[in-house]
Amino acid sequence: MSYIESHVEKDIQQIADGHKMLYEKMDREFKELHEELDELKGTQAAQEFVITRRLKQG
């Protein structure tokens, strides 16, 4: 029982910590991607507005 407590539990804790760090990193990356996507959508909307306005004038 002491082997399990001293060796296996440490390994399980390391795996759990690794998963937690990976999840946190993925969360940050996805947040950054969503922010970039929002910026691109705003740029696209502005470009569509300009193009539509030019087509109506022309």
PDB file of N, CA and C in Angstrom:
ATOM      1  N   MET A   1       0.822  -1.197   0.000  1.00  0.00           N
ATOM      2  CA  MET A   1       0.000   0.000   0.000  1.00  0.00           C
ATOM      3  C   MET A   1       0.867   1.263   0.000  1.00  0.00           C
ATOM      4  N   SER A   2       1.983   1.211   0.722  1.00  0.00           N
ATOM      5  CA  SER A   2       2.835   2.398   0.782  1.00  0.00           C
ATOM      6  C   SER A   2       3.471   2.678  -0.588  1.00  0.00           C
ATOM      7  N   TYR A   3       3.721   1.620  -1.396  1.00  0.00           N
ATOM      8  CA  TYR A   3       4.273   1.816  -2.745  1.00  0.00           C
ATOM      9  C   TYR A   3       3.278   2.593  -3.596  1.00  0.00           C
ATOM     10  N   ILE A   4       2.028   2.201  -3.517  1.00  0.00           N
ATOM     11  CA  ILE A   4       0.992   2.888  -4.284  1.00  0.00           C
ATOM     12  C   ILE A   4       0.903   4.349  -3.868  1.00  0.00           C
ATOM     13  N   GLU A   5       0.917   4.590  -2.581  1.00  0.00           N
ATOM     14  CA  GLU A   5       0.815   5.958  -2.096  1.00  0.00           C
ATOM     15  C   GLU A   5       2.018   6.800  -2.497  1.00  0.00           C
ATOM     16  N   SER A   6       3.200   6.218  -2.473  1.00  0.00           N
ATOM     17  CA  SER A   6       4.395   7.011  -2.729  1.00  0.00           C
ATOM     18  C   SER A   6       4.755   7.108  -4.206  1.00  0.00           C
ATOM     19  N   HIS A   7       4.362   6.163  -5.027  1.00  0.00           N
ATOM     20  CA  HIS A   7       4.759   6.172  -6.433  1.00  0.00           C
ATOM     21  C   HIS A   7       3.590   6.411  -7.388  1.00  0.00           C
ATOM     22  N   VAL A   8       2.582   5.616  -7.272  1.00  0.00           N
ATOM     23  CA  VAL A   8       1.465   5.694  -8.204  1.00  0.00           C
ATOM     24  C   VAL A   8       0.692   7.000  -8.043  1.00  0.00           C
ATOM     25  N   GLU A   9       0.448   7.407  -6.821  1.00  0.00           N
ATOM     26  CA  GLU A   9      -0.293   8.651  -6.599  1.00  0.00           C
ATOM     27  C   GLU A   9       0.458   9.854  -7.154  1.00  0.00           C
ATOM     28  N   LYS A  10       1.801   9.846  -7.054  1.00  0.00           N
ATOM     29  CA  LYS A  10       2.592  10.936  -7.626  1.00  0.00           C
ATOM     30  C   LYS A  10       2.435  10.975  -9.145  1.00  0.00           C
ATOM     31  N   ASP A  11       2.486   9.806  -9.767  1.00  0.00           N
ATOM     32  CA  ASP A  11       2.323   9.739 -11.227  1.00  0.00           C
ATOM     33  C   ASP A  11       0.945  10.215 -11.653  1.00  0.00           C
ATOM     34  N   ILE A  12      -0.060   9.799 -10.927  1.00  0.00           N
ATOM     35  CA  ILE A  12      -1.429  10.218 -11.249  1.00  0.00           C
ATOM     36  C   ILE A  12      -1.561  11.726 -11.074  1.00  0.00           C
ATOM     37  N   GLN A  13      -0.968  12.276 -10.021  1.00  0.00           N
ATOM     38  CA  GLN A  13      -1.026  13.716  -9.793  1.00  0.00           C
ATOM     39  C   GLN A  13      -0.300  14.464 -10.903  1.00  0.00           C
ATOM     40  N   GLN A  14       0.840  13.950 -11.370  1.00  0.00           N
ATOM     41  CA  GLN A  14       1.568  14.586 -12.462  1.00  0.00           C
ATOM     42  C   GLN A  14       0.739  14.584 -13.742  1.00  0.00           C
ATOM     43  N   ILE A  15       0.070  13.498 -14.010  1.00  0.00           N
ATOM     44  CA  ILE A  15      -0.789  13.407 -15.203  1.00  0.00           C
ATOM     45  C   ILE A  15      -1.936  14.407 -15.087  1.00  0.00           C
ATOM     46  N   ALA A  16      -2.545  14.472 -13.919  1.00  0.00           N
ATOM     47  CA  ALA A  16      -3.648  15.418 -13.710  1.00  0.00           C
ATOM     48  C   ALA A  16      -3.169  16.857 -13.868  1.00  0.00           C
ATOM     49  N   ASP A  17      -1.997  17.168 -13.325  1.00  0.00           N
ATOM     50  CA  ASP A  17      -1.448  18.519 -13.458  1.00  0.00           C
ATOM     51  C   ASP A  17      -1.151  18.841 -14.920  1.00  0.00           C
ATOM     52  N   GLY A  18      -0.627  17.862 -15.652  1.00  0.00           N
ATOM     53  CA  GLY A  18      -0.357  18.058 -17.071  1.00  0.00           C
ATOM     54  C   GLY A  18      -1.620  18.344 -17.855  1.00  0.00           C
ATOM     55  N   HIS A  19      -2.674  17.607 -17.563  1.00  0.00           N
ATOM     56  CA  HIS A  19      -3.961  17.837 -18.228  1.00  0.00           C
ATOM     57  C   HIS A  19      -4.508  19.219 -17.891  1.00  0.00           C
ATOM     58  N   LYS A  20      -4.360  19.631 -16.652  1.00  0.00           N
ATOM     59  CA  LYS A  20      -4.848  20.939 -16.235  1.00  0.00           C
ATOM     60  C   LYS A  20      -4.090  22.048 -16.961  1.00  0.00           C
ATOM     61  N   MET A  21      -2.768  21.919 -17.052  1.00  0.00           N
ATOM     62  CA  MET A  21      -1.963  22.929 -17.743  1.00  0.00           C
ATOM     63  C   MET A  21      -2.312  22.968 -19.226  1.00  0.00           C
ATOM     64  N   LEU A  22      -2.503  21.799 -19.821  1.00  0.00           N
ATOM     65  CA  LEU A  22      -2.870  21.736 -21.236  1.00  0.00           C
ATOM     66  C   LEU A  22      -4.216  22.402 -21.474  1.00  0.00           C
ATOM     67  N   TYR A  23      -5.185  22.137 -20.622  1.00  0.00           N
ATOM     68  CA  TYR A  23      -6.505  22.737 -20.738  1.00  0.00           C
ATOM     69  C   TYR A  23      -6.421  24.256 -20.624  1.00  0.00           C
ATOM     70  N   GLU A  24      -5.633  24.740 -19.661  1.00  0.00           N
ATOM     71  CA  GLU A  24      -5.486  26.184 -19.479  1.00  0.00           C
ATOM     72  C   GLU A  24      -4.835  26.829 -20.703  1.00  0.00           C
ATOM     73  N   LYS A  25      -3.841  26.156 -21.265  1.00  0.00           N
ATOM     74  CA  LYS A  25      -3.175  26.689 -22.465  1.00  0.00           C
ATOM     75  C   LYS A  25      -4.151  26.722 -23.636  1.00  0.00           C
ATOM     76  N   MET A  26      -4.910  25.660 -23.815  1.00  0.00           N
ATOM     77  CA  MET A  26      -5.891  25.615 -24.904  1.00  0.00           C
ATOM     78  C   MET A  26      -6.937  26.698 -24.719  1.00  0.00           C
ATOM     79  N   ASP A  27      -7.357  26.934 -23.488  1.00  0.00           N
ATOM     80  CA  ASP A  27      -8.347  27.970 -23.196  1.00  0.00           C
ATOM     81  C   ASP A  27      -7.816  29.345 -23.603  1.00  0.00           C
ATOM     82  N   ARG A  28      -6.551  29.630 -23.274  1.00  0.00           N
ATOM     83  CA  ARG A  28      -5.940  30.906 -23.666  1.00  0.00           C
ATOM     84  C   ARG A  28      -5.838  31.025 -25.185  1.00  0.00           C
ATOM     85  N   GLU A  29      -5.418  29.946 -25.833  1.00  0.00           N
ATOM     86  CA  GLU A  29      -5.261  29.960 -27.290  1.00  0.00           C
ATOM     87  C   GLU A  29      -6.608  30.197 -27.973  1.00  0.00           C
ATOM     88  N   PHE A  30      -7.643  29.519 -27.518  1.00  0.00           N
ATOM     89  CA  PHE A  30      -8.964  29.694 -28.120  1.00  0.00           C
ATOM     90  C   PHE A  30      -9.498  31.098 -27.874  1.00  0.00           C
ATOM     91  N   LYS A  31      -9.203  31.653 -26.706  1.00  0.00           N
ATOM     92  CA  LYS A  31      -9.626  33.024 -26.422  1.00  0.00           C
ATOM     93  C   LYS A  31      -8.959  33.982 -27.402  1.00  0.00           C
ATOM     94  N   GLU A  32      -7.663  33.799 -27.641  1.00  0.00           N
ATOM     95  CA  GLU A  32      -6.942  34.641 -28.592  1.00  0.00           C
ATOM     96  C   GLU A  32      -7.505  34.476 -30.000  1.00  0.00           C
ATOM     97  N   LEU A  33      -7.805  33.249 -30.377  1.00  0.00           N
ATOM     98  CA  LEU A  33      -8.378  33.007 -31.705  1.00  0.00           C
ATOM     99  C   LEU A  33      -9.736  33.676 -31.861  1.00  0.00           C
ATOM    100  N   HIS A  34     -10.555  33.611 -30.815  1.00  0.00           N
ATOM    101  CA  HIS A  34     -11.867  34.257 -30.871  1.00  0.00           C
ATOM    102  C   HIS A  34     -11.728  35.771 -30.993  1.00  0.00           C
ATOM    103  N   GLU A  35     -10.755  36.345 -30.284  1.00  0.00           N
ATOM    104  CA  GLU A  35     -10.534  37.788 -30.376  1.00  0.00           C
ATOM    105  C   GLU A  35     -10.099  38.174 -31.788  1.00  0.00           C
ATOM    106  N   GLU A  36      -9.185  37.392 -32.371  1.00  0.00           N
ATOM    107  CA  GLU A  36      -8.735  37.666 -33.740  1.00  0.00           C
ATOM    108  C   GLU A  36      -9.887  37.517 -34.730  1.00  0.00           C
ATOM    109  N   LEU A  37     -10.711  36.504 -34.523  1.00  0.00           N
ATOM    110  CA  LEU A  37     -11.855  36.290 -35.408  1.00  0.00           C
ATOM    111  C   LEU A  37     -12.833  37.456 -35.316  1.00  0.00           C
ATOM    112  N   ASP A  38     -13.068  37.957 -34.114  1.00  0.00           N
ATOM    113  CA  ASP A  38     -13.948  39.113 -33.949  1.00  0.00           C
ATOM    114  C   ASP A  38     -13.394  40.329 -34.687  1.00  0.00           C
ATOM    115  N   GLU A  39     -12.078  40.531 -34.610  1.00  0.00           N
ATOM    116  CA  GLU A  39     -11.451  41.643 -35.326  1.00  0.00           C
ATOM    117  C   GLU A  39     -11.623  41.476 -36.841  1.00  0.00           C
ATOM    118  N   LEU A  40     -11.428  40.266 -37.318  1.00  0.00           N
ATOM    119  CA  LEU A  40     -11.583  40.011 -38.752  1.00  0.00           C
ATOM    120  C   LEU A  40     -13.026  40.226 -39.206  1.00  0.00           C
ATOM    121  N   LYS A  41     -13.962  39.814 -38.382  1.00  0.00           N
ATOM    122  CA  LYS A  41     -15.372  40.032 -38.722  1.00  0.00           C
ATOM    123  C   LYS A  41     -15.680  41.522 -38.799  1.00  0.00           C
ATOM    124  N   GLY A  42     -15.110  42.301 -37.887  1.00  0.00           N
ATOM    125  CA  GLY A  42     -15.316  43.743 -37.919  1.00  0.00           C
ATOM    126  C   GLY A  42     -14.722  44.364 -39.174  1.00  0.00           C
ATOM    127  N   THR A  43     -13.528  43.923 -39.537  1.00  0.00           N
ATOM    128  CA  THR A  43     -12.887  44.414 -40.758  1.00  0.00           C
ATOM    129  C   THR A  43     -13.705  44.027 -41.986  1.00  0.00           C
ATOM    130  N   GLN A  44     -14.193  42.813 -42.012  1.00  0.00           N
ATOM    131  CA  GLN A  44     -15.001  42.353 -43.139  1.00  0.00           C
ATOM    132  C   GLN A  44     -16.279  43.182 -43.251  1.00  0.00           C
ATOM    133  N   ALA A  45     -16.923  43.448 -42.146  1.00  0.00           N
ATOM    134  CA  ALA A  45     -18.154  44.241 -42.174  1.00  0.00           C
ATOM    135  C   ALA A  45     -17.874  45.641 -42.697  1.00  0.00           C
ATOM    136  N   ALA A  46     -16.760  46.229 -42.257  1.00  0.00           N
ATOM    137  CA  ALA A  46     -16.405  47.573 -42.726  1.00  0.00           C
ATOM    138  C   ALA A  46     -16.126  47.565 -44.232  1.00  0.00           C
ATOM    139  N   GLN A  47     -15.429  46.560 -44.707  1.00  0.00           N
ATOM    140  CA  GLN A  47     -15.133  46.459 -46.139  1.00  0.00           C
ATOM    141  C   GLN A  47     -16.405  46.243 -46.955  1.00  0.00           C
ATOM    142  N   GLU A  48     -17.305  45.427 -46.453  1.00  0.00           N
ATOM    143  CA  GLU A  48     -18.567  45.206 -47.151  1.00  0.00           C
ATOM    144  C   GLU A  48     -19.374  46.504 -47.221  1.00  0.00           C
ATOM    145  N   PHE A  49     -19.345  47.279 -46.150  1.00  0.00           N
ATOM    146  CA  PHE A  49     -20.052  48.555 -46.137  1.00  0.00           C
ATOM    147  C   PHE A  49     -19.489  49.489 -47.200  1.00  0.00           C
ATOM    148  N   VAL A  50     -18.163  49.578 -47.276  1.00  0.00           N
ATOM    149  CA  VAL A  50     -17.524  50.450 -48.260  1.00  0.00           C
ATOM    150  C   VAL A  50     -17.834  49.979 -49.679  1.00  0.00           C
ATOM    151  N   ILE A  51     -17.754  48.695 -49.909  1.00  0.00           N
ATOM    152  CA  ILE A  51     -18.027  48.164 -51.250  1.00  0.00           C
ATOM    153  C   ILE A  51     -19.477  48.401 -51.638  1.00  0.00           C
ATOM    154  N   THR A  52     -20.388  48.127 -50.716  1.00  0.00           N
ATOM    155  CA  THR A  52     -21.816  48.347 -51.004  1.00  0.00           C
ATOM    156  C   THR A  52     -22.098  49.818 -51.298  1.00  0.00           C
ATOM    157  N   ARG A  53     -21.488  50.698 -50.539  1.00  0.00           N
ATOM    158  CA  ARG A  53     -21.674  52.135 -50.731  1.00  0.00           C
ATOM    159  C   ARG A  53     -21.134  52.583 -52.097  1.00  0.00           C
ATOM    160  N   ARG A  54     -20.000  52.046 -52.473  1.00  0.00           N
ATOM    161  CA  ARG A  54     -19.413  52.403 -53.765  1.00  0.00           C
ATOM    162  C   ARG A  54     -20.281  51.881 -54.918  1.00  0.00           C
ATOM    163  N   LEU A  55     -20.825  50.687 -54.753  1.00  0.00           N
ATOM    164  CA  LEU A  55     -21.670  50.121 -55.801  1.00  0.00           C
ATOM    165  C   LEU A  55     -22.953  50.941 -55.976  1.00  0.00           C
ATOM    166  N   LYS A  56     -23.499  51.429 -54.864  1.00  0.00           N
ATOM    167  CA  LYS A  56     -24.722  52.234 -54.929  1.00  0.00           C
ATOM    168  C   LYS A  56     -24.435  53.586 -55.583  1.00  0.00           C
ATOM    169  N   GLN A  57     -23.256  54.129 -55.357  1.00  0.00           N
ATOM    170  CA  GLN A  57     -22.896  55.440 -55.931  1.00  0.00           C
ATOM    171  C   GLN A  57     -22.538  55.320 -57.411  1.00  0.00           C
ATOM    172  N   GLY A  58     -22.004  54.185 -57.798  1.00  0.00           N
ATOM    173  CA  GLY A  58     -21.492  54.011 -59.149  1.00  0.00           C
ATOM    174  C   GLY A  58     -22.542  53.595 -60.091  1.00  0.00           C
TER     175      GLY A  58
END
